[in-house]
Structures are given as structure tokens and as C-alpha cells.
Amino acid sequence: MRACAPRDYGLWPRQYTRAMLSHAFTLWGSAVTWLEIVAFVLAFGCVAFNVVESHWGWPLAIVSSALYGWLFYVNRIYGDASLQVFFAATAAWGWWQWLFGRRAGDPAGARLQVARLRPATVGAAALVWLTAWLVLGALLDRFTDTDVPYLDAFPTAGSVIGQLLLARKYLENWWVWLVVNVASIALFSWKALWLTAVLYAVFLVLSAIGLRRWQKTLQVRP
């Protein structure tokens, strides 16, 4: 299925809007816009920094979230478009957490350390994800013109959980992102956002690397 035709944004300078939504090249039969390219590059940098526990991934997350929110809205992926607003807000919080956050047991004066969730918390998070998926899917189906309400809602709900866990440096965030990335690849492939689908395939690999790297961090900690 091909992406929908770009909308005209009256609140934005039309020349800038046309430039960002203009076609840069064609990938697998579908046009890729400059907006998607810029968002792709910034989002990749964000996740790469997260993998190595660098706080510089968070400012990149703020900008890439704003750009992807625009891209998803143009393509009627409303759940993910709304999610980008949440991402931008929590990225600012996550940046602060990685710089100044603490939890009980962290060494004095040290930055926030990688930790694991309790089993009961993992179960609660899974239940919240399932509930949020069904509720959000029903809302999108009822109140928007999206053609992928539940396929959109599933990674949207999971991404909220993954982002909160990442901001507090819980190892389990990478397990959440592994599932979210698989679902997102399916979603963006259906919408013919091929460059973004490729990006989430890269995210899938980076999530596996991040999981392994953070596991090693926990193993070597005294």
C-alpha cells in the first residue's frame, strides 16, 4: 500500500513544507521524502547513543520525534504521530535522568546505573501494554480515518512502556523495543514508508546489541 498524498500545512511556511515533503528518491516503488530522510538519520543517532549509554541520544530524540510526528500525521498513522509528542516530552525527562537521576543502591555521586525490573513489575507492564493496545486500537478505529488501528496501536502502547523503562535505565526496555520494532516494521511496510521500515529493522539489530551490552554491564558490576 502506498503512502497517502502529503497534506498542505497552513501554519508552516509553504516553501519549507514543500521542500521537506518533496520526493528525494524512490525506494521499492514508493517515494521517500526529505522529511523521512532527516528523521531517519537523527533517530538512528539517538538509538546508537542509547546503546552505549550516552546521554546525547536524548536531544536527538526530541528533534527526530518532532519530525516523525509530522511524517506519521501526513500518512494517517495517528497513534504513532501522537506518540512522538510523548517521546519528545519524555526525552527531556530521560536526558535529565541520565545526567542527574539516582536510584537506591547506586554508588554515591555516580550517574543512573543499569538495573533490572522485579518479576511482578514485568507482569504488570505486560498487562498494561495489552490493555492499552486494545483500548487505543478501539479509539483509533472509532474516531479516526486510519486503516490500521490495531497495527498502529500495538507498537504505540509498547513504545510508551519502552521509553519510560529506557529513561530509567532498566534492562527490560530492550526486550520491549525488540517486540515494538518487529511490529513497527510490519506497520511501516504496509504504509509503504520503506526507509522508516528499514530504520526499524536497524533498530531491531541495535536493540539486540543494546540488550547484550547492558547485560554485560550488569554482570561486571560489583
C-alpha atoms as a PDB file:
ATOM      1  CA  MET A   1       0.000   0.000   0.000  1.00  0.00           C
ATOM      2  CA  ARG A   2       1.405   3.389  -0.924  1.00  0.00           C
ATOM      3  CA  ALA A   3       1.669   6.328   1.433  1.00  0.00           C
ATOM      4  CA  CYS A   4      -1.062   8.965   1.286  1.00  0.00           C
ATOM      5  CA  ALA A   5      -0.510  12.228  -0.551  1.00  0.00           C
ATOM      6  CA  PRO A   6       1.143  14.887   1.665  1.00  0.00           C
ATOM      7  CA  ARG A   7      -1.144  17.442   3.231  1.00  0.00           C
ATOM      8  CA  ASP A   8      -0.629  21.191   2.959  1.00  0.00           C
ATOM      9  CA  TYR A   9       0.223  22.738   6.338  1.00  0.00           C
ATOM     10  CA  GLY A  10      -1.174  26.259   6.503  1.00  0.00           C
ATOM     11  CA  LEU A  11       0.675  27.032   9.741  1.00  0.00           C
ATOM     12  CA  TRP A  12       4.053  26.271   8.209  1.00  0.00           C
ATOM     13  CA  PRO A  13       5.835  28.340   5.552  1.00  0.00           C
ATOM     14  CA  ARG A  14       4.706  26.673   2.367  1.00  0.00           C
ATOM     15  CA  GLN A  15       8.108  26.729   0.748  1.00  0.00           C
ATOM     16  CA  TYR A  16       9.684  24.887   3.684  1.00  0.00           C
ATOM     17  CA  THR A  17       6.813  22.413   3.796  1.00  0.00           C
ATOM     18  CA  ARG A  18       7.095  21.650   0.089  1.00  0.00           C
ATOM     19  CA  ALA A  19      10.848  21.140   0.385  1.00  0.00           C
ATOM     20  CA  MET A  20      10.576  18.720   3.308  1.00  0.00           C
ATOM     21  CA  LEU A  21       7.717  16.764   1.736  1.00  0.00           C
ATOM     22  CA  SER A  22       9.254  16.691  -1.729  1.00  0.00           C
ATOM     23  CA  HIS A  23      10.497  13.380  -3.129  1.00  0.00           C
ATOM     24  CA  ALA A  24      14.199  12.726  -2.647  1.00  0.00           C
ATOM     25  CA  PHE A  25      14.301   9.316  -4.331  1.00  0.00           C
ATOM     26  CA  THR A  26      12.205   6.203  -4.930  1.00  0.00           C
ATOM     27  CA  LEU A  27      12.661   3.071  -2.839  1.00  0.00           C
ATOM     28  CA  TRP A  28      10.916  -0.168  -3.816  1.00  0.00           C
ATOM     29  CA  GLY A  29       8.383   1.707  -5.908  1.00  0.00           C
ATOM     30  CA  SER A  30       7.469   4.352  -3.323  1.00  0.00           C
ATOM     31  CA  ALA A  31       8.694   7.925  -2.944  1.00  0.00           C
ATOM     32  CA  VAL A  32      10.937   8.815   0.006  1.00  0.00           C
ATOM     33  CA  THR A  33      10.697  12.420   1.214  1.00  0.00           C
ATOM     34  CA  TRP A  34      13.433  14.624   2.636  1.00  0.00           C
ATOM     35  CA  LEU A  35      11.440  14.718   5.857  1.00  0.00           C
ATOM     36  CA  GLU A  36      11.740  10.955   6.231  1.00  0.00           C
ATOM     37  CA  ILE A  37      15.473  11.056   5.430  1.00  0.00           C
ATOM     38  CA  VAL A  38      16.294  13.688   8.070  1.00  0.00           C
ATOM     39  CA  ALA A  39      14.141  11.942  10.677  1.00  0.00           C
ATOM     40  CA  PHE A  40      15.840   8.634   9.800  1.00  0.00           C
ATOM     41  CA  VAL A  41      19.353   9.991  10.374  1.00  0.00           C
ATOM     42  CA  LEU A  42      18.529  11.665  13.695  1.00  0.00           C
ATOM     43  CA  ALA A  43      16.594   8.661  15.017  1.00  0.00           C
ATOM     44  CA  PHE A  44      19.454   6.315  14.140  1.00  0.00           C
ATOM     45  CA  GLY A  45      21.887   8.536  16.021  1.00  0.00           C
ATOM     46  CA  CYS A  46      19.552   8.629  19.003  1.00  0.00           C
ATOM     47  CA  VAL A  47      19.343   4.827  19.381  1.00  0.00           C
ATOM     48  CA  ALA A  48      23.071   4.374  18.737  1.00  0.00           C
ATOM     49  CA  PHE A  49      23.828   6.748  21.625  1.00  0.00           C
ATOM     50  CA  ASN A  50      21.311   4.904  23.842  1.00  0.00           C
ATOM     51  CA  VAL A  51      23.074   1.605  23.200  1.00  0.00           C
ATOM     52  CA  VAL A  52      26.383   2.979  24.512  1.00  0.00           C
ATOM     53  CA  GLU A  53      24.625   4.771  27.418  1.00  0.00           C
ATOM     54  CA  SER A  54      25.414   8.252  26.132  1.00  0.00           C
ATOM     55  CA  HIS A  55      23.020  10.991  27.235  1.00  0.00           C
ATOM     56  CA  TRP A  56      23.447  12.741  23.855  1.00  0.00           C
ATOM     57  CA  GLY A  57      20.851  10.418  22.372  1.00  0.00           C
ATOM     58  CA  TRP A  58      18.084  12.301  24.185  1.00  0.00           C
ATOM     59  CA  PRO A  59      18.355  15.683  22.391  1.00  0.00           C
ATOM     60  CA  LEU A  60      18.425  13.809  19.085  1.00  0.00           C
ATOM     61  CA  ALA A  61      15.277  12.018  20.237  1.00  0.00           C
ATOM     62  CA  ILE A  62      13.482  15.322  20.763  1.00  0.00           C
ATOM     63  CA  VAL A  63      14.162  16.562  17.230  1.00  0.00           C
ATOM     64  CA  SER A  64      13.605  13.222  15.477  1.00  0.00           C
ATOM     65  CA  SER A  65      10.324  12.751  17.370  1.00  0.00           C
ATOM     66  CA  ALA A  66       9.048  16.105  16.127  1.00  0.00           C
ATOM     67  CA  LEU A  67       9.929  15.203  12.535  1.00  0.00           C
ATOM     68  CA  TYR A  68       8.449  11.711  12.732  1.00  0.00           C
ATOM     69  CA  GLY A  69       5.290  13.125  14.300  1.00  0.00           C
ATOM     70  CA  TRP A  70       4.885  15.251  11.190  1.00  0.00           C
ATOM     71  CA  LEU A  71       5.626  12.337   8.851  1.00  0.00           C
ATOM     72  CA  PHE A  72       3.206   9.966  10.572  1.00  0.00           C
ATOM     73  CA  TYR A  73       0.403  12.524  10.635  1.00  0.00           C
ATOM     74  CA  VAL A  74       0.787  13.061   6.894  1.00  0.00           C
ATOM     75  CA  ASN A  75       0.421   9.298   6.417  1.00  0.00           C
ATOM     76  CA  ARG A  76      -2.575   8.918   8.772  1.00  0.00           C
ATOM     77  CA  ILE A  77      -0.637   6.877  11.349  1.00  0.00           C
ATOM     78  CA  TYR A  78      -2.250   8.811  14.182  1.00  0.00           C
ATOM     79  CA  GLY A  79      -1.250   6.600  17.095  1.00  0.00           C
ATOM     80  CA  ASP A  80       2.427   6.872  16.259  1.00  0.00           C
ATOM     81  CA  ALA A  81       2.038  10.573  15.437  1.00  0.00           C
ATOM     82  CA  SER A  82       0.637  11.244  18.911  1.00  0.00           C
ATOM     83  CA  LEU A  83       3.331   9.029  20.385  1.00  0.00           C
ATOM     84  CA  GLN A  84       6.019  11.351  19.059  1.00  0.00           C
ATOM     85  CA  VAL A  85       4.701  14.157  21.277  1.00  0.00           C
ATOM     86  CA  PHE A  86       5.085  11.826  24.248  1.00  0.00           C
ATOM     87  CA  PHE A  87       8.560  10.830  23.046  1.00  0.00           C
ATOM     88  CA  ALA A  88       9.703  14.447  22.836  1.00  0.00           C
ATOM     89  CA  ALA A  89       8.445  15.197  26.362  1.00  0.00           C
ATOM     90  CA  THR A  90       9.910  12.055  27.938  1.00  0.00           C
ATOM     91  CA  ALA A  91      13.183  12.563  26.053  1.00  0.00           C
ATOM     92  CA  ALA A  92      13.692  15.771  28.018  1.00  0.00           C
ATOM     93  CA  TRP A  93      12.924  13.858  31.225  1.00  0.00           C
ATOM     94  CA  GLY A  94      15.172  10.965  30.181  1.00  0.00           C
ATOM     95  CA  TRP A  95      18.021  13.368  29.460  1.00  0.00           C
ATOM     96  CA  TRP A  96      17.712  14.740  32.992  1.00  0.00           C
ATOM     97  CA  GLN A  97      17.502  11.217  34.446  1.00  0.00           C
ATOM     98  CA  TRP A  98      20.657  10.039  32.690  1.00  0.00           C
ATOM     99  CA  LEU A  99      22.543  13.122  33.844  1.00  0.00           C
ATOM    100  CA  PHE A 100      21.233  13.567  37.396  1.00  0.00           C
ATOM    101  CA  GLY A 101      18.867  10.689  38.221  1.00  0.00           C
ATOM    102  CA  ARG A 102      19.575   8.232  41.029  1.00  0.00           C
ATOM    103  CA  ARG A 103      18.015   5.088  42.494  1.00  0.00           C
ATOM    104  CA  ALA A 104      18.616   3.291  45.761  1.00  0.00           C
ATOM    105  CA  GLY A 105      21.816   1.266  45.576  1.00  0.00           C
ATOM    106  CA  ASP A 106      23.625   3.426  43.025  1.00  0.00           C
ATOM    107  CA  PRO A 107      27.152   4.473  44.073  1.00  0.00           C
ATOM    108  CA  ALA A 108      27.361   7.901  45.674  1.00  0.00           C
ATOM    109  CA  GLY A 109      27.992  10.612  43.086  1.00  0.00           C
ATOM    110  CA  ALA A 110      27.510   8.211  40.149  1.00  0.00           C
ATOM    111  CA  ARG A 111      25.056   8.682  37.324  1.00  0.00           C
ATOM    112  CA  LEU A 112      21.994   6.479  36.991  1.00  0.00           C
ATOM    113  CA  GLN A 113      23.004   2.815  36.736  1.00  0.00           C
ATOM    114  CA  VAL A 114      21.522  -0.014  34.651  1.00  0.00           C
ATOM    115  CA  ALA A 115      19.105  -2.161  36.698  1.00  0.00           C
ATOM    116  CA  ARG A 116      16.539  -4.952  36.298  1.00  0.00           C
ATOM    117  CA  LEU A 117      12.807  -4.865  36.972  1.00  0.00           C
ATOM    118  CA  ARG A 118      11.225  -7.128  39.558  1.00  0.00           C
ATOM    119  CA  PRO A 119       9.269 -10.077  38.036  1.00  0.00           C
ATOM    120  CA  ALA A 120       5.977  -8.690  39.366  1.00  0.00           C
ATOM    121  CA  THR A 121       6.671  -5.359  37.661  1.00  0.00           C
ATOM    122  CA  VAL A 122       7.381  -7.134  34.361  1.00  0.00           C
ATOM    123  CA  GLY A 123       3.994  -8.857  34.556  1.00  0.00           C
ATOM    124  CA  ALA A 124       2.237  -5.593  35.377  1.00  0.00           C
ATOM    125  CA  ALA A 125       3.927  -3.846  32.444  1.00  0.00           C
ATOM    126  CA  ALA A 126       2.791  -6.622  30.076  1.00  0.00           C
ATOM    127  CA  LEU A 127      -0.798  -6.303  31.319  1.00  0.00           C
ATOM    128  CA  VAL A 128      -0.723  -2.523  30.877  1.00  0.00           C
ATOM    129  CA  TRP A 129       0.603  -2.969  27.338  1.00  0.00           C
ATOM    130  CA  LEU A 130      -2.166  -5.413  26.403  1.00  0.00           C
ATOM    131  CA  THR A 131      -4.890  -3.203  27.870  1.00  0.00           C
ATOM    132  CA  ALA A 132      -3.550  -0.020  26.296  1.00  0.00           C
ATOM    133  CA  TRP A 133      -3.281  -1.745  22.898  1.00  0.00           C
ATOM    134  CA  LEU A 134      -6.920  -2.836  22.884  1.00  0.00           C
ATOM    135  CA  VAL A 135      -8.243   0.494  24.190  1.00  0.00           C
ATOM    136  CA  LEU A 136      -6.141   2.635  21.860  1.00  0.00           C
ATOM    137  CA  GLY A 137      -6.933   0.414  18.885  1.00  0.00           C
ATOM    138  CA  ALA A 138     -10.652   0.787  19.556  1.00  0.00           C
ATOM    139  CA  LEU A 139     -10.335   4.573  19.881  1.00  0.00           C
ATOM    140  CA  LEU A 140      -8.378   4.898  16.656  1.00  0.00           C
ATOM    141  CA  ASP A 141     -10.886   2.686  14.875  1.00  0.00           C
ATOM    142  CA  ARG A 142     -13.835   4.692  16.184  1.00  0.00           C
ATOM    143  CA  PHE A 143     -12.607   8.285  15.959  1.00  0.00           C
ATOM    144  CA  THR A 144     -10.051   8.466  13.117  1.00  0.00           C
ATOM    145  CA  ASP A 145      -9.856   7.544   9.446  1.00  0.00           C
ATOM    146  CA  THR A 146      -6.827   5.301   9.909  1.00  0.00           C
ATOM    147  CA  ASP A 147      -6.837   1.977   8.059  1.00  0.00           C
ATOM    148  CA  VAL A 148      -4.510   0.291  10.578  1.00  0.00           C
ATOM    149  CA  PRO A 149      -5.999   0.994  14.038  1.00  0.00           C
ATOM    150  CA  TYR A 150      -4.739  -2.072  15.905  1.00  0.00           C
ATOM    151  CA  LEU A 151      -1.491  -2.454  13.984  1.00  0.00           C
ATOM    152  CA  ASP A 152      -0.775   1.179  14.848  1.00  0.00           C
ATOM    153  CA  ALA A 153      -1.918   0.854  18.475  1.00  0.00           C
ATOM    154  CA  PHE A 154       0.247  -2.146  19.394  1.00  0.00           C
ATOM    155  CA  PRO A 155       3.706  -0.573  18.897  1.00  0.00           C
ATOM    156  CA  THR A 156       2.357   2.764  20.151  1.00  0.00           C
ATOM    157  CA  ALA A 157       1.368   1.288  23.517  1.00  0.00           C
ATOM    158  CA  GLY A 158       4.595  -0.705  23.753  1.00  0.00           C
ATOM    159  CA  SER A 159       6.713   2.307  22.902  1.00  0.00           C
ATOM    160  CA  VAL A 160       5.316   4.243  25.866  1.00  0.00           C
ATOM    161  CA  ILE A 161       6.447   1.461  28.192  1.00  0.00           C
ATOM    162  CA  GLY A 162       9.803   1.067  26.458  1.00  0.00           C
ATOM    163  CA  GLN A 163      10.525   4.783  26.620  1.00  0.00           C
ATOM    164  CA  LEU A 164       9.783   5.008  30.340  1.00  0.00           C
ATOM    165  CA  LEU A 165      11.976   1.984  31.082  1.00  0.00           C
ATOM    166  CA  LEU A 166      14.782   3.368  28.918  1.00  0.00           C
ATOM    167  CA  ALA A 167      14.657   6.729  30.675  1.00  0.00           C
ATOM    168  CA  ARG A 168      15.208   4.971  34.000  1.00  0.00           C
ATOM    169  CA  LYS A 169      17.826   2.601  32.539  1.00  0.00           C
ATOM    170  CA  TYR A 170      16.000  -0.657  33.135  1.00  0.00           C
ATOM    171  CA  LEU A 171      17.447  -3.539  31.112  1.00  0.00           C
ATOM    172  CA  GLU A 172      13.995  -4.771  30.122  1.00  0.00           C
ATOM    173  CA  ASN A 173      13.472  -1.741  27.904  1.00  0.00           C
ATOM    174  CA  TRP A 174      15.431  -3.561  25.197  1.00  0.00           C
ATOM    175  CA  TRP A 175      13.082  -6.569  25.288  1.00  0.00           C
ATOM    176  CA  VAL A 176      10.166  -4.187  24.810  1.00  0.00           C
ATOM    177  CA  TRP A 177      11.898  -2.480  21.880  1.00  0.00           C
ATOM    178  CA  LEU A 178      12.609  -5.823  20.213  1.00  0.00           C
ATOM    179  CA  VAL A 179       8.871  -6.561  20.086  1.00  0.00           C
ATOM    180  CA  VAL A 180       7.929  -2.982  19.170  1.00  0.00           C
ATOM    181  CA  ASN A 181      10.434  -2.888  16.328  1.00  0.00           C
ATOM    182  CA  VAL A 182       9.103  -6.088  14.755  1.00  0.00           C
ATOM    183  CA  ALA A 183       5.547  -4.710  14.853  1.00  0.00           C
ATOM    184  CA  SER A 184       6.717  -1.347  13.522  1.00  0.00           C
ATOM    185  CA  ILE A 185       8.460  -2.958  10.549  1.00  0.00           C
ATOM    186  CA  ALA A 186       5.135  -4.564   9.610  1.00  0.00           C
ATOM    187  CA  LEU A 187       3.250  -1.281  10.070  1.00  0.00           C
ATOM    188  CA  PHE A 188       5.594   0.900   8.032  1.00  0.00           C
ATOM    189  CA  SER A 189       5.944  -1.698   5.309  1.00  0.00           C
ATOM    190  CA  TRP A 190       2.151  -1.744   4.966  1.00  0.00           C
ATOM    191  CA  LYS A 191       2.150   2.069   4.686  1.00  0.00           C
ATOM    192  CA  ALA A 192       4.998   1.943   2.123  1.00  0.00           C
ATOM    193  CA  LEU A 193       7.275   4.038   4.362  1.00  0.00           C
ATOM    194  CA  TRP A 194      10.149   1.868   3.269  1.00  0.00           C
ATOM    195  CA  LEU A 195      13.003   3.979   4.617  1.00  0.00           C
ATOM    196  CA  THR A 196      11.365   4.046   8.031  1.00  0.00           C
ATOM    197  CA  ALA A 197      10.765   0.290   7.828  1.00  0.00           C
ATOM    198  CA  VAL A 198      14.479  -0.141   7.130  1.00  0.00           C
ATOM    199  CA  LEU A 199      15.250   2.143  10.077  1.00  0.00           C
ATOM    200  CA  TYR A 200      13.196  -0.048  12.403  1.00  0.00           C
ATOM    201  CA  ALA A 201      14.975  -3.118  11.077  1.00  0.00           C
ATOM    202  CA  VAL A 202      18.217  -1.382  12.070  1.00  0.00           C
ATOM    203  CA  PHE A 203      16.615  -0.540  15.424  1.00  0.00           C
ATOM    204  CA  LEU A 204      15.863  -4.242  15.847  1.00  0.00           C
ATOM    205  CA  VAL A 205      19.554  -5.057  15.487  1.00  0.00           C
ATOM    206  CA  LEU A 206      20.570  -2.169  17.754  1.00  0.00           C
ATOM    207  CA  SER A 207      18.077  -3.337  20.384  1.00  0.00           C
ATOM    208  CA  ALA A 208      19.694  -6.777  20.417  1.00  0.00           C
ATOM    209  CA  ILE A 209      23.114  -5.150  20.725  1.00  0.00           C
ATOM    210  CA  GLY A 210      21.856  -2.836  23.475  1.00  0.00           C
ATOM    211  CA  LEU A 211      20.383  -5.763  25.392  1.00  0.00           C
ATOM    212  CA  ARG A 212      23.627  -7.683  25.242  1.00  0.00           C
ATOM    213  CA  ARG A 213      25.744  -4.670  26.136  1.00  0.00           C
ATOM    214  CA  TRP A 214      23.595  -3.736  29.133  1.00  0.00           C
ATOM    215  CA  GLN A 215      23.565  -7.358  30.303  1.00  0.00           C
ATOM    216  CA  LYS A 216      27.367  -7.293  30.334  1.00  0.00           C
ATOM    217  CA  THR A 217      27.267  -4.039  32.281  1.00  0.00           C
ATOM    218  CA  LEU A 218      25.206  -5.746  34.989  1.00  0.00           C
ATOM    219  CA  GLN A 219      27.479  -8.820  35.005  1.00  0.00           C
ATOM    220  CA  VAL A 220      30.692  -6.857  35.599  1.00  0.00           C
ATOM    221  CA  ARG A 221      29.215  -4.544  38.255  1.00  0.00           C
ATOM    222  CA  PRO A 222      30.434  -5.439  41.734  1.00  0.00           C
END
